[in-house]
Protein backbone atom coordinates (compact mmCIF):
# COMPACT_ATOMS: atom_id res chain seq x y z
CA MET A 1 236.25 -53.07 317.54
CA MET A 2 236.83 -50.85 314.51
CA TRP A 3 238.09 -53.56 312.28
CA ARG A 4 235.00 -55.74 313.17
CA ARG A 5 232.78 -52.72 311.95
CA PHE A 6 234.94 -52.26 308.83
CA ARG A 7 235.10 -55.81 307.52
CA ARG A 8 231.29 -56.12 307.71
CA SER A 9 231.44 -54.03 304.28
CA LYS A 10 232.54 -56.31 301.39
CA LEU A 11 232.78 -53.39 299.23
CA ALA A 12 235.32 -51.69 301.67
CA LEU A 13 237.19 -54.84 301.82
CA ILE A 14 237.49 -55.31 298.07
CA ALA A 15 238.85 -51.48 298.02
CA LEU A 16 241.33 -52.13 300.85
CA PHE A 17 242.53 -55.29 298.80
CA TYR A 18 242.67 -53.27 295.67
CA VAL A 19 244.88 -50.51 297.05
CA GLY A 20 247.12 -53.09 298.89
CA VAL A 21 247.81 -54.66 295.44
CA VAL A 22 248.29 -51.50 293.48
CA VAL A 23 250.85 -50.42 296.29
CA LEU A 24 252.47 -53.66 295.90
CA ILE A 25 252.73 -53.54 292.18
CA ALA A 26 254.05 -49.98 292.39
CA ILE A 27 256.81 -51.04 294.96
CA CYS A 28 257.89 -54.15 292.71
CA ALA A 29 257.29 -51.96 289.49
CA PRO A 30 261.00 -52.39 288.41
CA LEU A 31 260.83 -56.21 288.84
CA LEU A 32 257.56 -56.44 286.81
CA THR A 33 258.25 -54.47 283.75
CA SER A 34 260.81 -53.31 281.38
CA ASP A 35 262.13 -49.62 281.33
CA PRO A 36 258.84 -47.64 280.89
CA ASN A 37 260.99 -45.06 278.86
CA ASN A 38 262.40 -47.57 276.12
CA VAL A 39 261.50 -45.98 272.67
CA ASP A 40 260.78 -48.33 269.89
CA LEU A 41 259.44 -46.19 266.79
CA ALA A 42 258.91 -49.40 264.77
CA SER A 43 256.13 -50.36 267.29
CA ARG A 44 254.66 -46.80 267.86
CA LEU A 45 250.68 -46.87 268.55
CA ARG A 46 250.27 -50.55 268.59
CA PRO A 47 246.89 -51.63 270.05
CA PRO A 48 247.14 -54.24 272.99
CA ASP A 49 248.49 -57.47 271.81
CA ARG A 50 250.86 -60.67 273.25
CA THR A 51 254.03 -58.51 273.18
CA HIS A 52 252.37 -55.33 274.57
CA ARG A 53 249.51 -56.19 276.86
CA LEU A 54 248.12 -52.59 276.96
CA GLY A 55 249.54 -51.53 273.66
CA THR A 56 252.25 -48.77 272.83
CA ASP A 57 252.15 -45.03 272.79
CA ASP A 58 253.21 -42.45 270.11
CA LEU A 59 256.98 -43.29 270.81
CA GLY A 60 256.50 -47.01 270.95
CA ARG A 61 256.74 -47.22 274.83
CA ASP A 62 255.00 -50.02 276.71
CA VAL A 63 251.91 -48.64 278.02
CA LEU A 64 251.58 -51.43 280.62
CA ALA A 65 254.95 -50.45 281.93
CA ARG A 66 254.14 -46.81 282.19
CA VAL A 67 250.92 -47.26 283.94
CA ILE A 68 252.71 -49.58 286.38
CA HIS A 69 255.58 -47.11 287.03
CA GLY A 70 253.07 -44.36 286.89
CA ALA A 71 251.33 -45.64 289.96
CA ARG A 72 254.65 -45.38 291.81
CA VAL A 73 254.86 -41.66 291.06
CA SER A 74 250.79 -40.96 291.66
CA LEU A 75 250.84 -43.05 294.83
CA SER A 76 254.13 -41.43 296.23
CA VAL A 77 252.70 -37.71 295.47
CA GLY A 78 249.31 -38.79 297.19
CA PHE A 79 250.83 -40.33 300.24
CA ALA A 80 253.61 -37.87 300.88
CA ALA A 81 251.27 -34.92 300.29
CA THR A 82 248.77 -36.36 302.62
CA ALA A 83 251.36 -36.90 305.29
CA ILE A 84 252.63 -33.12 304.95
CA SER A 85 249.02 -31.93 305.30
CA LEU A 86 248.33 -34.37 308.38
CA ILE A 87 251.47 -33.08 310.19
CA ILE A 88 250.74 -29.36 309.71
CA GLY A 89 247.14 -29.58 310.02
CA SER A 90 247.32 -31.69 313.22
CA PHE A 91 250.04 -29.46 314.72
CA LEU A 92 248.16 -26.31 314.21
CA GLY A 93 244.89 -27.71 315.13
CA ALA A 94 246.12 -29.19 318.33
CA LEU A 95 247.71 -25.79 319.26
CA ALA A 96 244.56 -23.95 318.59
CA GLY A 97 242.24 -26.50 320.41
CA TYR A 98 244.37 -27.04 323.35
CA TYR A 99 245.59 -23.57 324.11
CA GLY A 100 242.51 -21.51 322.79
CA GLY A 101 242.76 -17.77 323.26
CA ALA A 102 245.20 -16.03 320.90
CA ALA A 103 246.55 -19.39 319.54
CA ASP A 104 242.99 -20.30 318.52
CA TRP A 105 242.26 -16.94 316.89
CA PHE A 106 245.68 -16.71 314.95
CA VAL A 107 245.17 -20.23 313.52
CA SER A 108 241.61 -19.78 312.74
CA ARG A 109 242.57 -16.56 310.74
CA VAL A 110 245.19 -18.67 308.93
CA ILE A 111 242.76 -21.18 307.96
CA GLU A 112 240.24 -18.63 306.84
CA VAL A 113 243.04 -16.83 304.60
CA VAL A 114 244.00 -20.06 302.92
CA LEU A 115 240.43 -21.06 302.23
CA CYS A 116 239.83 -17.78 300.70
CA PHE A 117 241.72 -18.84 297.67
CA PRO A 118 240.55 -21.80 295.56
CA PHE A 119 242.48 -24.93 296.14
CA LEU A 120 243.63 -25.77 292.84
CA LEU A 121 244.46 -21.83 292.05
CA LEU A 122 246.92 -21.79 295.10
CA VAL A 123 248.60 -25.14 293.83
CA LEU A 124 248.93 -23.90 290.24
CA ALA A 125 250.42 -20.51 291.65
CA ILE A 126 253.00 -22.58 293.61
CA VAL A 127 254.00 -24.95 290.76
CA ALA A 128 254.22 -21.86 288.37
CA LEU A 129 256.46 -20.24 290.78
CA PHE A 130 258.97 -22.97 291.48
CA GLY A 131 258.70 -25.06 288.36
CA PRO A 132 256.94 -28.37 287.75
CA SER A 133 258.56 -31.44 289.46
CA PHE A 134 257.79 -34.28 291.74
CA LEU A 135 259.14 -32.27 294.69
CA THR A 136 257.18 -29.02 293.97
CA VAL A 137 253.91 -30.89 293.47
CA MET A 138 254.09 -32.90 296.50
CA ILE A 139 254.99 -29.92 298.66
CA ALA A 140 252.32 -27.75 296.95
CA LEU A 141 249.44 -30.21 297.49
CA GLY A 142 250.71 -30.64 301.10
CA LEU A 143 250.81 -26.98 301.82
CA THR A 144 247.50 -26.26 300.37
CA SER A 145 245.16 -29.18 301.91
CA TRP A 146 246.06 -29.04 305.59
CA THR A 147 243.33 -26.89 306.60
CA THR A 148 240.65 -29.73 306.93
CA GLU A 149 242.81 -31.68 309.12
CA ALA A 150 243.54 -28.60 311.27
CA ARG A 151 239.66 -28.03 311.72
CA PHE A 152 239.07 -31.54 312.68
CA MET A 153 241.90 -31.59 315.02
CA ARG A 154 240.89 -28.30 316.64
CA GLY A 155 237.25 -29.38 317.08
CA GLU A 156 238.26 -32.67 318.81
CA PHE A 157 240.65 -31.07 321.17
CA LEU A 158 238.21 -28.48 322.17
CA ARG A 159 235.95 -31.21 322.79
CA ILE A 160 238.28 -33.68 324.92
CA ARG A 161 240.40 -31.05 326.62
CA GLU A 162 238.07 -30.58 329.46
CA MET A 163 237.34 -34.48 330.05
CA GLU A 164 238.32 -36.02 333.26
CA PHE A 165 241.25 -37.79 332.12
CA ALA A 166 242.86 -34.59 330.62
CA GLN A 167 242.02 -32.76 333.71
CA ALA A 168 243.62 -35.49 335.92
CA ALA A 169 246.85 -35.16 333.63
CA ARG A 170 246.87 -31.38 334.28
CA ALA A 171 246.34 -31.67 337.95
CA SER A 172 249.34 -34.32 338.15
CA GLY A 173 251.53 -31.73 336.95
CA ALA A 174 252.24 -33.07 333.59
CA ARG A 175 253.56 -31.02 330.88
CA ASP A 176 251.60 -29.69 328.12
CA ALA A 177 253.47 -31.53 325.66
CA ARG A 178 252.84 -34.86 327.53
CA ILE A 179 249.24 -34.19 327.87
CA ILE A 180 249.03 -33.27 324.23
CA PHE A 181 250.77 -36.24 322.73
CA ARG A 182 250.03 -38.93 325.36
CA HIS A 183 246.55 -38.20 326.42
CA LEU A 184 244.73 -35.91 323.84
CA LEU A 185 246.26 -36.80 320.39
CA PRO A 186 245.45 -40.64 320.51
CA ASN A 187 241.68 -39.74 321.39
CA ALA A 188 241.44 -36.93 318.76
CA ILE A 189 243.14 -38.72 315.69
CA ALA A 190 240.39 -40.90 314.26
CA PRO A 191 238.56 -38.28 312.36
CA VAL A 192 241.73 -36.88 310.94
CA LEU A 193 242.93 -40.31 309.69
CA VAL A 194 239.32 -40.54 307.95
CA SER A 195 239.96 -37.06 306.51
CA ALA A 196 243.62 -38.39 305.51
CA SER A 197 241.93 -41.32 303.37
CA PHE A 198 239.95 -38.81 301.40
CA GLY A 199 242.98 -36.49 301.03
CA VAL A 200 245.12 -39.44 299.33
CA ALA A 201 242.43 -39.67 296.71
CA ALA A 202 242.07 -35.86 296.22
CA ALA A 203 246.03 -35.67 296.00
CA ILE A 204 246.26 -38.46 293.37
CA LEU A 205 243.39 -36.89 291.36
CA THR A 206 244.83 -33.36 291.49
CA GLU A 207 248.32 -34.60 290.66
CA SER A 208 246.82 -36.41 287.61
CA ALA A 209 244.96 -32.95 286.59
CA LEU A 210 248.52 -31.02 286.96
CA SER A 211 250.24 -33.68 285.01
CA PHE A 212 247.57 -33.51 282.34
CA LEU A 213 247.93 -29.76 281.98
CA GLY A 214 251.82 -30.14 281.84
CA LEU A 215 252.22 -28.51 285.22
CA GLY A 216 252.87 -31.96 287.18
CA VAL A 217 255.93 -34.25 287.34
CA PRO A 218 257.50 -33.50 283.92
CA PRO A 219 258.10 -36.24 281.26
CA PRO A 220 259.69 -38.67 280.58
CA THR A 221 258.80 -39.70 284.16
CA PRO A 222 255.61 -41.68 283.69
CA THR A 223 252.32 -40.68 285.74
CA TRP A 224 248.83 -41.48 284.99
CA GLY A 225 248.09 -37.83 284.18
CA ASN A 226 250.92 -37.27 281.69
CA ILE A 227 250.05 -40.66 280.02
CA LEU A 228 246.62 -39.15 279.59
CA SER A 229 248.01 -35.73 278.38
CA THR A 230 249.86 -37.73 275.52
CA ALA A 231 246.61 -39.75 274.77
CA GLN A 232 244.54 -36.66 273.97
CA GLN A 233 246.60 -36.16 270.77
CA HIS A 234 245.75 -39.75 269.62
CA ILE A 235 242.36 -40.22 271.22
CA ASP A 236 240.51 -40.95 267.81
CA TYR A 237 242.61 -43.95 266.78
CA ALA A 238 244.50 -45.03 269.89
CA TRP A 239 241.66 -45.68 272.61
CA TRP A 240 244.05 -47.70 274.66
CA LEU A 241 246.31 -44.80 275.58
CA ALA A 242 243.33 -42.86 277.39
CA LEU A 243 241.39 -45.88 278.68
CA PHE A 244 243.98 -47.84 280.99
CA PRO A 245 245.41 -44.89 282.90
CA GLY A 246 241.94 -43.33 283.11
CA VAL A 247 240.66 -46.58 284.57
CA ALA A 248 243.45 -46.66 287.11
CA ILE A 249 242.96 -43.09 288.33
CA PHE A 250 239.26 -43.88 288.62
CA LEU A 251 239.50 -47.31 290.50
CA THR A 252 242.32 -45.91 292.86
CA VAL A 253 240.38 -42.73 293.57
CA ALA A 254 237.16 -44.47 294.31
CA ALA A 255 239.05 -47.06 296.46
CA PHE A 256 240.44 -44.52 298.97
CA ASN A 257 237.03 -42.75 299.05
CA ILE A 258 235.24 -46.12 299.84
CA ILE A 259 237.91 -46.70 302.60
CA GLY A 260 237.42 -43.33 304.01
CA ASP A 261 233.69 -43.65 304.07
CA ARG A 262 233.68 -47.20 305.76
CA VAL A 263 236.42 -46.17 308.38
CA ARG A 264 234.27 -43.23 309.27
CA ASP A 265 231.17 -45.29 309.80
CA ALA A 266 233.36 -47.68 311.82
CA LEU A 267 234.44 -45.13 314.07
CA ASP A 268 230.68 -43.85 314.55
CA PRO A 269 228.97 -46.10 317.08
CA ARG A 270 225.52 -44.23 315.85
CA SER A 271 226.17 -45.95 312.48
CA GLU A 272 225.21 -49.37 314.12
C-alpha cells in the first residue's frame, strides 16, 4: 500500500533512483576510478578535459575520483550517524512512552537539556574535544541528533499502548520486552523512519560543513566538504573545484528530503 502511494510521485521515484545510483557508485568507487590521492603537480588546476573529466585540484589530483570517493565517506557518515540516532532515540522514546511516569519524566528532561544547546555547537564541542576523524564525526552527529526520533517514538507509544491489541498482549501475560518489540514497535516505527530519511540529509550536510571548516574527516581522505574547502582558495580561476562537489551535496540532500516527504505522505491516509 505504501509503495503504491509512493510511486505515484515521479519526482520521488527519480530521487530514489538517484540515491540508489550514488550508493552503488560509492560502493564500487575503487573499481571505477584511480587513487583519489595520486599527486601530479604537472597537471595541477587543469580544467575538465578528456583525461580528467572534472578537472584537477591544486595538487593535480583527479576531481572526479575525489568526488566519487568522497561520496563513500559522506554517505557512510550520513547512514551511520542516522543509525546511531535511530537506535538511541527509538530506545529512549519507547521506554518513555511505554512505561510513562518516572521514565517518561527522565527521558523528557534529557531531551530538553540536549535541545537547550544549538545542534552545531554540540557537534563542534565533541569534535574539538576528541579531535576530527571519521569516527568522531559519526559519533558526534549520532549522539546529538536522536531527540527527534525519541519524541516521535514516545508520541507513538503513548498513542498505541492502550489500544486493544496491546491490552490483549498484556492480558495474555506477555513480557514487556515482547510487547514492545513484537507488538508496539512495528506499529510505531513509520514516522521514525520518515525522520531518519531527513536525518541522513542533515548528517551529510553537517559533515560537509564540518569538513569545510577543517573539523570533519581530515585530509587526504576526500569528502565533499573538504574538497569544497580546498576550492575556496582557488574559486576565482578554478570554478570546477567548487561546482561538482557542491552539486553532489545539493542533489543528494535534496533527494533524501524528497524521499522523506513522499514517504510521510504515503504513510498518511489523509493525503489521499
